[in-house]
Amino acid sequence: NLEPSGPKQSNPQNIGATWPRSLA
């Protein structure tokens, strides 16, 4: 298995970007 064993890293572009996306 070549996947990292830690928590999945999210894209830093999308961190906390749910409300502007929904509003747009």
mmCIF file of all heavy atoms, coordinates in Angstrom:
data_MODEL
# 
_entry.id   MODEL 
# 
loop_
_atom_site.group_PDB 
_atom_site.id 
_atom_site.type_symbol 
_atom_site.label_atom_id 
_atom_site.label_alt_id 
_atom_site.label_comp_id 
_atom_site.label_asym_id 
_atom_site.label_entity_id 
_atom_site.label_seq_id 
_atom_site.pdbx_PDB_ins_code 
_atom_site.Cartn_x 
_atom_site.Cartn_y 
_atom_site.Cartn_z 
_atom_site.occupancy 
_atom_site.B_iso_or_equiv 
_atom_site.pdbx_formal_charge 
_atom_site.auth_seq_id 
_atom_site.auth_comp_id 
_atom_site.auth_asym_id 
_atom_site.auth_atom_id 
_atom_site.pdbx_PDB_model_num 
ATOM 1   N N   . ASN A 1 1  ? 0.843   -1.188 0.000  1.00 0.00 ? 1  ASN A N   1 
ATOM 2   C CA  . ASN A 1 1  ? 0.000   0.000  0.000  1.00 0.00 ? 1  ASN A CA  1 
ATOM 3   C C   . ASN A 1 1  ? 0.884   1.245  0.000  1.00 0.00 ? 1  ASN A C   1 
ATOM 4   O O   . ASN A 1 1  ? 1.689   1.446  0.891  1.00 0.00 ? 1  ASN A O   1 
ATOM 5   C CB  . ASN A 1 1  ? -0.918  -0.020 1.229  1.00 0.00 ? 1  ASN A CB  1 
ATOM 6   C CG  . ASN A 1 1  ? -1.934  1.089  1.179  1.00 0.00 ? 1  ASN A CG  1 
ATOM 7   O OD1 . ASN A 1 1  ? -2.013  1.823  0.199  1.00 0.00 ? 1  ASN A OD1 1 
ATOM 8   N ND2 . ASN A 1 1  ? -2.721  1.189  2.216  1.00 0.00 ? 1  ASN A ND2 1 
ATOM 9   N N   . LEU A 1 2  ? 0.726   2.074  -1.014 1.00 0.00 ? 2  LEU A N   1 
ATOM 10  C CA  . LEU A 1 2  ? 1.531   3.286  -1.130 1.00 0.00 ? 2  LEU A CA  1 
ATOM 11  C C   . LEU A 1 2  ? 0.814   4.523  -0.598 1.00 0.00 ? 2  LEU A C   1 
ATOM 12  O O   . LEU A 1 2  ? 1.357   5.615  -0.656 1.00 0.00 ? 2  LEU A O   1 
ATOM 13  C CB  . LEU A 1 2  ? 1.926   3.513  -2.593 1.00 0.00 ? 2  LEU A CB  1 
ATOM 14  C CG  . LEU A 1 2  ? 2.787   2.413  -3.207 1.00 0.00 ? 2  LEU A CG  1 
ATOM 15  C CD1 . LEU A 1 2  ? 3.050   2.707  -4.669 1.00 0.00 ? 2  LEU A CD1 1 
ATOM 16  C CD2 . LEU A 1 2  ? 4.095   2.274  -2.462 1.00 0.00 ? 2  LEU A CD2 1 
ATOM 17  N N   . GLU A 1 3  ? -0.395  4.373  -0.103 1.00 0.00 ? 3  GLU A N   1 
ATOM 18  C CA  . GLU A 1 3  ? -1.156  5.498  0.442  1.00 0.00 ? 3  GLU A CA  1 
ATOM 19  C C   . GLU A 1 3  ? -0.583  5.891  1.805  1.00 0.00 ? 3  GLU A C   1 
ATOM 20  O O   . GLU A 1 3  ? -0.148  5.039  2.575  1.00 0.00 ? 3  GLU A O   1 
ATOM 21  C CB  . GLU A 1 3  ? -2.628  5.109  0.620  1.00 0.00 ? 3  GLU A CB  1 
ATOM 22  C CG  . GLU A 1 3  ? -3.355  4.874  -0.678 1.00 0.00 ? 3  GLU A CG  1 
ATOM 23  C CD  . GLU A 1 3  ? -3.535  6.148  -1.489 1.00 0.00 ? 3  GLU A CD  1 
ATOM 24  O OE1 . GLU A 1 3  ? -3.785  7.196  -0.882 1.00 0.00 ? 3  GLU A OE1 1 
ATOM 25  O OE2 . GLU A 1 3  ? -3.389  6.091  -2.706 1.00 0.00 ? 3  GLU A OE2 1 
ATOM 26  N N   . PRO A 1 4  ? -0.575  7.172  2.150  1.00 0.00 ? 4  PRO A N   1 
ATOM 27  C CA  . PRO A 1 4  ? -0.108  7.579  3.487  1.00 0.00 ? 4  PRO A CA  1 
ATOM 28  C C   . PRO A 1 4  ? -1.062  7.042  4.553  1.00 0.00 ? 4  PRO A C   1 
ATOM 29  O O   . PRO A 1 4  ? -2.264  6.945  4.338  1.00 0.00 ? 4  PRO A O   1 
ATOM 30  C CB  . PRO A 1 4  ? -0.114  9.103  3.438  1.00 0.00 ? 4  PRO A CB  1 
ATOM 31  C CG  . PRO A 1 4  ? -0.965  9.468  2.277  1.00 0.00 ? 4  PRO A CG  1 
ATOM 32  C CD  . PRO A 1 4  ? -0.955  8.304  1.338  1.00 0.00 ? 4  PRO A CD  1 
ATOM 33  N N   . SER A 1 5  ? -0.487  6.662  5.685  1.00 0.00 ? 5  SER A N   1 
ATOM 34  C CA  . SER A 1 5  ? -1.294  6.038  6.724  1.00 0.00 ? 5  SER A CA  1 
ATOM 35  C C   . SER A 1 5  ? -2.022  7.055  7.600  1.00 0.00 ? 5  SER A C   1 
ATOM 36  O O   . SER A 1 5  ? -2.943  6.705  8.306  1.00 0.00 ? 5  SER A O   1 
ATOM 37  C CB  . SER A 1 5  ? -0.409  5.150  7.601  1.00 0.00 ? 5  SER A CB  1 
ATOM 38  O OG  . SER A 1 5  ? 0.598   5.949  8.198  1.00 0.00 ? 5  SER A OG  1 
ATOM 39  N N   . GLY A 1 6  ? -1.624  8.321  7.550  1.00 0.00 ? 6  GLY A N   1 
ATOM 40  C CA  . GLY A 1 6  ? -2.245  9.348  8.387  1.00 0.00 ? 6  GLY A CA  1 
ATOM 41  C C   . GLY A 1 6  ? -3.578  9.809  7.806  1.00 0.00 ? 6  GLY A C   1 
ATOM 42  O O   . GLY A 1 6  ? -4.101  9.249  6.841  1.00 0.00 ? 6  GLY A O   1 
ATOM 43  N N   . PRO A 1 7  ? -4.142  10.846 8.426  1.00 0.00 ? 7  PRO A N   1 
ATOM 44  C CA  . PRO A 1 7  ? -5.406  11.359 7.898  1.00 0.00 ? 7  PRO A CA  1 
ATOM 45  C C   . PRO A 1 7  ? -5.205  11.957 6.513  1.00 0.00 ? 7  PRO A C   1 
ATOM 46  O O   . PRO A 1 7  ? -4.133  12.443 6.171  1.00 0.00 ? 7  PRO A O   1 
ATOM 47  C CB  . PRO A 1 7  ? -5.802  12.433 8.917  1.00 0.00 ? 7  PRO A CB  1 
ATOM 48  C CG  . PRO A 1 7  ? -4.542  12.796 9.612  1.00 0.00 ? 7  PRO A CG  1 
ATOM 49  C CD  . PRO A 1 7  ? -3.672  11.579 9.578  1.00 0.00 ? 7  PRO A CD  1 
ATOM 50  N N   . LYS A 1 8  ? -6.264  11.883 5.728  1.00 0.00 ? 8  LYS A N   1 
ATOM 51  C CA  . LYS A 1 8  ? -6.192  12.399 4.362  1.00 0.00 ? 8  LYS A CA  1 
ATOM 52  C C   . LYS A 1 8  ? -5.978  13.907 4.382  1.00 0.00 ? 8  LYS A C   1 
ATOM 53  O O   . LYS A 1 8  ? -6.607  14.621 5.146  1.00 0.00 ? 8  LYS A O   1 
ATOM 54  C CB  . LYS A 1 8  ? -7.482  12.062 3.626  1.00 0.00 ? 8  LYS A CB  1 
ATOM 55  C CG  . LYS A 1 8  ? -7.671  10.589 3.451  1.00 0.00 ? 8  LYS A CG  1 
ATOM 56  C CD  . LYS A 1 8  ? -7.898  10.326 2.015  1.00 0.00 ? 8  LYS A CD  1 
ATOM 57  C CE  . LYS A 1 8  ? -8.100  8.820  1.877  1.00 0.00 ? 8  LYS A CE  1 
ATOM 58  N NZ  . LYS A 1 8  ? -7.679  8.340  0.653  1.00 0.00 ? 8  LYS A NZ  1 
ATOM 59  N N   . GLN A 1 9  ? -5.081  14.357 3.559  1.00 0.00 ? 9  GLN A N   1 
ATOM 60  C CA  . GLN A 1 9  ? -4.820  15.786 3.435  1.00 0.00 ? 9  GLN A CA  1 
ATOM 61  C C   . GLN A 1 9  ? -5.780  16.366 2.405  1.00 0.00 ? 9  GLN A C   1 
ATOM 62  O O   . GLN A 1 9  ? -5.912  15.842 1.314  1.00 0.00 ? 9  GLN A O   1 
ATOM 63  C CB  . GLN A 1 9  ? -3.375  16.028 2.969  1.00 0.00 ? 9  GLN A CB  1 
ATOM 64  C CG  . GLN A 1 9  ? -2.339  15.553 3.937  1.00 0.00 ? 9  GLN A CG  1 
ATOM 65  C CD  . GLN A 1 9  ? -2.345  16.383 5.206  1.00 0.00 ? 9  GLN A CD  1 
ATOM 66  O OE1 . GLN A 1 9  ? -2.607  17.571 5.162  1.00 0.00 ? 9  GLN A OE1 1 
ATOM 67  N NE2 . GLN A 1 9  ? -2.075  15.756 6.326  1.00 0.00 ? 9  GLN A NE2 1 
ATOM 68  N N   . SER A 1 10 ? -6.445  17.439 2.788  1.00 0.00 ? 10 SER A N   1 
ATOM 69  C CA  . SER A 1 10 ? -7.343  18.078 1.831  1.00 0.00 ? 10 SER A CA  1 
ATOM 70  C C   . SER A 1 10 ? -6.582  19.135 1.050  1.00 0.00 ? 10 SER A C   1 
ATOM 71  O O   . SER A 1 10 ? -5.487  19.550 1.430  1.00 0.00 ? 10 SER A O   1 
ATOM 72  C CB  . SER A 1 10 ? -8.535  18.710 2.548  1.00 0.00 ? 10 SER A CB  1 
ATOM 73  O OG  . SER A 1 10 ? -8.080  19.737 3.384  1.00 0.00 ? 10 SER A OG  1 
ATOM 74  N N   . ASN A 1 11 ? -7.162  19.554 -0.020 1.00 0.00 ? 11 ASN A N   1 
ATOM 75  C CA  . ASN A 1 11 ? -6.557  20.583 -0.849 1.00 0.00 ? 11 ASN A CA  1 
ATOM 76  C C   . ASN A 1 11 ? -6.580  21.900 -0.086 1.00 0.00 ? 11 ASN A C   1 
ATOM 77  O O   . ASN A 1 11 ? -7.627  22.349 0.346  1.00 0.00 ? 11 ASN A O   1 
ATOM 78  C CB  . ASN A 1 11 ? -7.355  20.692 -2.149 1.00 0.00 ? 11 ASN A CB  1 
ATOM 79  C CG  . ASN A 1 11 ? -6.702  21.594 -3.147 1.00 0.00 ? 11 ASN A CG  1 
ATOM 80  O OD1 . ASN A 1 11 ? -5.700  22.239 -2.860 1.00 0.00 ? 11 ASN A OD1 1 
ATOM 81  N ND2 . ASN A 1 11 ? -7.267  21.646 -4.342 1.00 0.00 ? 11 ASN A ND2 1 
ATOM 82  N N   . PRO A 1 12 ? -5.456  22.582 0.110  1.00 0.00 ? 12 PRO A N   1 
ATOM 83  C CA  . PRO A 1 12 ? -5.459  23.832 0.876  1.00 0.00 ? 12 PRO A CA  1 
ATOM 84  C C   . PRO A 1 12 ? -6.276  24.931 0.216  1.00 0.00 ? 12 PRO A C   1 
ATOM 85  O O   . PRO A 1 12 ? -6.677  25.875 0.868  1.00 0.00 ? 12 PRO A O   1 
ATOM 86  C CB  . PRO A 1 12 ? -3.991  24.227 0.957  1.00 0.00 ? 12 PRO A CB  1 
ATOM 87  C CG  . PRO A 1 12 ? -3.257  23.337 0.048  1.00 0.00 ? 12 PRO A CG  1 
ATOM 88  C CD  . PRO A 1 12 ? -4.131  22.187 -0.299 1.00 0.00 ? 12 PRO A CD  1 
ATOM 89  N N   . GLN A 1 13 ? -6.554  24.826 -1.093 1.00 0.00 ? 13 GLN A N   1 
ATOM 90  C CA  . GLN A 1 13 ? -7.391  25.792 -1.778 1.00 0.00 ? 13 GLN A CA  1 
ATOM 91  C C   . GLN A 1 13 ? -8.817  25.767 -1.259 1.00 0.00 ? 13 GLN A C   1 
ATOM 92  O O   . GLN A 1 13 ? -9.500  26.778 -1.277 1.00 0.00 ? 13 GLN A O   1 
ATOM 93  C CB  . GLN A 1 13 ? -7.459  25.443 -3.257 1.00 0.00 ? 13 GLN A CB  1 
ATOM 94  C CG  . GLN A 1 13 ? -6.688  26.325 -4.136 1.00 0.00 ? 13 GLN A CG  1 
ATOM 95  C CD  . GLN A 1 13 ? -6.812  25.861 -5.573 1.00 0.00 ? 13 GLN A CD  1 
ATOM 96  O OE1 . GLN A 1 13 ? -7.448  24.857 -5.866 1.00 0.00 ? 13 GLN A OE1 1 
ATOM 97  N NE2 . GLN A 1 13 ? -6.196  26.597 -6.449 1.00 0.00 ? 13 GLN A NE2 1 
ATOM 98  N N   . ASN A 1 14 ? -9.287  24.616 -0.830 1.00 0.00 ? 14 ASN A N   1 
ATOM 99  C CA  . ASN A 1 14 ? -10.695 24.441 -0.507 1.00 0.00 ? 14 ASN A CA  1 
ATOM 100 C C   . ASN A 1 14 ? -10.982 24.443 0.987  1.00 0.00 ? 14 ASN A C   1 
ATOM 101 O O   . ASN A 1 14 ? -12.107 24.182 1.385  1.00 0.00 ? 14 ASN A O   1 
ATOM 102 C CB  . ASN A 1 14 ? -11.209 23.137 -1.114 1.00 0.00 ? 14 ASN A CB  1 
ATOM 103 C CG  . ASN A 1 14 ? -11.163 23.173 -2.618 1.00 0.00 ? 14 ASN A CG  1 
ATOM 104 O OD1 . ASN A 1 14 ? -11.315 24.225 -3.213 1.00 0.00 ? 14 ASN A OD1 1 
ATOM 105 N ND2 . ASN A 1 14 ? -10.936 22.036 -3.231 1.00 0.00 ? 14 ASN A ND2 1 
ATOM 106 N N   . ILE A 1 15 ? -10.013 24.709 1.834  1.00 0.00 ? 15 ILE A N   1 
ATOM 107 C CA  . ILE A 1 15 ? -10.246 24.699 3.268  1.00 0.00 ? 15 ILE A CA  1 
ATOM 108 C C   . ILE A 1 15 ? -11.129 25.883 3.638  1.00 0.00 ? 15 ILE A C   1 
ATOM 109 O O   . ILE A 1 15 ? -10.815 27.025 3.341  1.00 0.00 ? 15 ILE A O   1 
ATOM 110 C CB  . ILE A 1 15 ? -8.918  24.739 4.044  1.00 0.00 ? 15 ILE A CB  1 
ATOM 111 C CG1 . ILE A 1 15 ? -8.165  23.439 3.812  1.00 0.00 ? 15 ILE A CG1 1 
ATOM 112 C CG2 . ILE A 1 15 ? -9.161  24.963 5.527  1.00 0.00 ? 15 ILE A CG2 1 
ATOM 113 C CD1 . ILE A 1 15 ? -6.800  23.409 4.433  1.00 0.00 ? 15 ILE A CD1 1 
ATOM 114 N N   . GLY A 1 16 ? -12.244 25.618 4.259  1.00 0.00 ? 16 GLY A N   1 
ATOM 115 C CA  . GLY A 1 16 ? -13.160 26.665 4.690  1.00 0.00 ? 16 GLY A CA  1 
ATOM 116 C C   . GLY A 1 16 ? -13.842 27.391 3.552  1.00 0.00 ? 16 GLY A C   1 
ATOM 117 O O   . GLY A 1 16 ? -14.293 28.508 3.714  1.00 0.00 ? 16 GLY A O   1 
ATOM 118 N N   . ALA A 1 17 ? -13.921 26.774 2.391  1.00 0.00 ? 17 ALA A N   1 
ATOM 119 C CA  . ALA A 1 17 ? -14.477 27.453 1.223  1.00 0.00 ? 17 ALA A CA  1 
ATOM 120 C C   . ALA A 1 17 ? -15.856 26.947 0.864  1.00 0.00 ? 17 ALA A C   1 
ATOM 121 O O   . ALA A 1 17 ? -16.264 27.039 -0.274 1.00 0.00 ? 17 ALA A O   1 
ATOM 122 C CB  . ALA A 1 17 ? -13.523 27.282 0.049  1.00 0.00 ? 17 ALA A CB  1 
ATOM 123 N N   . THR A 1 18 ? -16.600 26.418 1.816  1.00 0.00 ? 18 THR A N   1 
ATOM 124 C CA  . THR A 1 18 ? -17.916 25.898 1.467  1.00 0.00 ? 18 THR A CA  1 
ATOM 125 C C   . THR A 1 18 ? -18.967 26.994 1.401  1.00 0.00 ? 18 THR A C   1 
ATOM 126 O O   . THR A 1 18 ? -19.809 26.975 0.523  1.00 0.00 ? 18 THR A O   1 
ATOM 127 C CB  . THR A 1 18 ? -18.358 24.821 2.466  1.00 0.00 ? 18 THR A CB  1 
ATOM 128 O OG1 . THR A 1 18 ? -18.345 25.392 3.774  1.00 0.00 ? 18 THR A OG1 1 
ATOM 129 C CG2 . THR A 1 18 ? -17.443 23.635 2.416  1.00 0.00 ? 18 THR A CG2 1 
ATOM 130 N N   . TRP A 1 19 ? -18.920 27.973 2.317  1.00 0.00 ? 19 TRP A N   1 
ATOM 131 C CA  . TRP A 1 19 ? -19.969 28.994 2.269  1.00 0.00 ? 19 TRP A CA  1 
ATOM 132 C C   . TRP A 1 19 ? -19.797 29.961 1.109  1.00 0.00 ? 19 TRP A C   1 
ATOM 133 O O   . TRP A 1 19 ? -20.791 30.344 0.494  1.00 0.00 ? 19 TRP A O   1 
ATOM 134 C CB  . TRP A 1 19 ? -20.115 29.723 3.608  1.00 0.00 ? 19 TRP A CB  1 
ATOM 135 C CG  . TRP A 1 19 ? -18.992 30.656 3.959  1.00 0.00 ? 19 TRP A CG  1 
ATOM 136 C CD1 . TRP A 1 19 ? -17.886 30.365 4.681  1.00 0.00 ? 19 TRP A CD1 1 
ATOM 137 C CD2 . TRP A 1 19 ? -18.881 32.025 3.590  1.00 0.00 ? 19 TRP A CD2 1 
ATOM 138 N NE1 . TRP A 1 19 ? -17.087 31.468 4.778  1.00 0.00 ? 19 TRP A NE1 1 
ATOM 139 C CE2 . TRP A 1 19 ? -17.676 32.504 4.122  1.00 0.00 ? 19 TRP A CE2 1 
ATOM 140 C CE3 . TRP A 1 19 ? -19.680 32.893 2.863  1.00 0.00 ? 19 TRP A CE3 1 
ATOM 141 C CZ2 . TRP A 1 19 ? -17.249 33.815 3.948  1.00 0.00 ? 19 TRP A CZ2 1 
ATOM 142 C CZ3 . TRP A 1 19 ? -19.251 34.195 2.687  1.00 0.00 ? 19 TRP A CZ3 1 
ATOM 143 C CH2 . TRP A 1 19 ? -18.054 34.643 3.235  1.00 0.00 ? 19 TRP A CH2 1 
ATOM 144 N N   . PRO A 1 20 ? -18.573 30.372 0.703  1.00 0.00 ? 20 PRO A N   1 
ATOM 145 C CA  . PRO A 1 20 ? -18.504 31.228 -0.492 1.00 0.00 ? 20 PRO A CA  1 
ATOM 146 C C   . PRO A 1 20 ? -18.950 30.487 -1.746 1.00 0.00 ? 20 PRO A C   1 
ATOM 147 O O   . PRO A 1 20 ? -19.586 31.059 -2.622 1.00 0.00 ? 20 PRO A O   1 
ATOM 148 C CB  . PRO A 1 20 ? -17.040 31.619 -0.593 1.00 0.00 ? 20 PRO A CB  1 
ATOM 149 C CG  . PRO A 1 20 ? -16.461 31.400 0.746  1.00 0.00 ? 20 PRO A CG  1 
ATOM 150 C CD  . PRO A 1 20 ? -17.255 30.292 1.341  1.00 0.00 ? 20 PRO A CD  1 
ATOM 151 N N   . ARG A 1 21 ? -18.640 29.196 -1.801 1.00 0.00 ? 21 ARG A N   1 
ATOM 152 C CA  . ARG A 1 21 ? -19.039 28.397 -2.963 1.00 0.00 ? 21 ARG A CA  1 
ATOM 153 C C   . ARG A 1 21 ? -20.551 28.296 -3.040 1.00 0.00 ? 21 ARG A C   1 
ATOM 154 O O   . ARG A 1 21 ? -21.145 28.514 -4.097 1.00 0.00 ? 21 ARG A O   1 
ATOM 155 C CB  . ARG A 1 21 ? -18.420 27.003 -2.860 1.00 0.00 ? 21 ARG A CB  1 
ATOM 156 C CG  . ARG A 1 21 ? -18.843 26.089 -3.972 1.00 0.00 ? 21 ARG A CG  1 
ATOM 157 C CD  . ARG A 1 21 ? -18.241 24.695 -3.801 1.00 0.00 ? 21 ARG A CD  1 
ATOM 158 N NE  . ARG A 1 21 ? -18.596 23.860 -4.913 1.00 0.00 ? 21 ARG A NE  1 
ATOM 159 C CZ  . ARG A 1 21 ? -19.588 22.975 -4.872 1.00 0.00 ? 21 ARG A CZ  1 
ATOM 160 N NH1 . ARG A 1 21 ? -20.283 22.795 -3.784 1.00 0.00 ? 21 ARG A NH1 1 
ATOM 161 N NH2 . ARG A 1 21 ? -19.862 22.262 -5.945 1.00 0.00 ? 21 ARG A NH2 1 
ATOM 162 N N   . SER A 1 22 ? -21.180 27.983 -1.921 1.00 0.00 ? 22 SER A N   1 
ATOM 163 C CA  . SER A 1 22 ? -22.631 27.862 -1.905 1.00 0.00 ? 22 SER A CA  1 
ATOM 164 C C   . SER A 1 22 ? -23.303 29.182 -2.234 1.00 0.00 ? 22 SER A C   1 
ATOM 165 O O   . SER A 1 22 ? -24.278 29.230 -2.992 1.00 0.00 ? 22 SER A O   1 
ATOM 166 C CB  . SER A 1 22 ? -23.103 27.376 -0.530 1.00 0.00 ? 22 SER A CB  1 
ATOM 167 O OG  . SER A 1 22 ? -22.540 26.138 -0.227 1.00 0.00 ? 22 SER A OG  1 
ATOM 168 N N   . LEU A 1 23 ? -22.781 30.255 -1.672 1.00 0.00 ? 23 LEU A N   1 
ATOM 169 C CA  . LEU A 1 23 ? -23.352 31.576 -1.924 1.00 0.00 ? 23 LEU A CA  1 
ATOM 170 C C   . LEU A 1 23 ? -23.164 31.985 -3.382 1.00 0.00 ? 23 LEU A C   1 
ATOM 171 O O   . LEU A 1 23 ? -24.077 32.551 -3.997 1.00 0.00 ? 23 LEU A O   1 
ATOM 172 C CB  . LEU A 1 23 ? -22.700 32.595 -0.992 1.00 0.00 ? 23 LEU A CB  1 
ATOM 173 C CG  . LEU A 1 23 ? -23.448 33.885 -0.746 1.00 0.00 ? 23 LEU A CG  1 
ATOM 174 C CD1 . LEU A 1 23 ? -24.839 33.618 -0.196 1.00 0.00 ? 23 LEU A CD1 1 
ATOM 175 C CD2 . LEU A 1 23 ? -22.674 34.757 0.221  1.00 0.00 ? 23 LEU A CD2 1 
ATOM 176 N N   . ALA A 1 24 ? -22.005 31.691 -3.962 1.00 0.00 ? 24 ALA A N   1 
ATOM 177 C CA  . ALA A 1 24 ? -21.768 32.010 -5.370 1.00 0.00 ? 24 ALA A CA  1 
ATOM 178 C C   . ALA A 1 24 ? -22.705 31.226 -6.275 1.00 0.00 ? 24 ALA A C   1 
ATOM 179 O O   . ALA A 1 24 ? -23.248 31.770 -7.241 1.00 0.00 ? 24 ALA A O   1 
ATOM 180 C CB  . ALA A 1 24 ? -20.315 31.728 -5.738 1.00 0.00 ? 24 ALA A CB  1 
# 
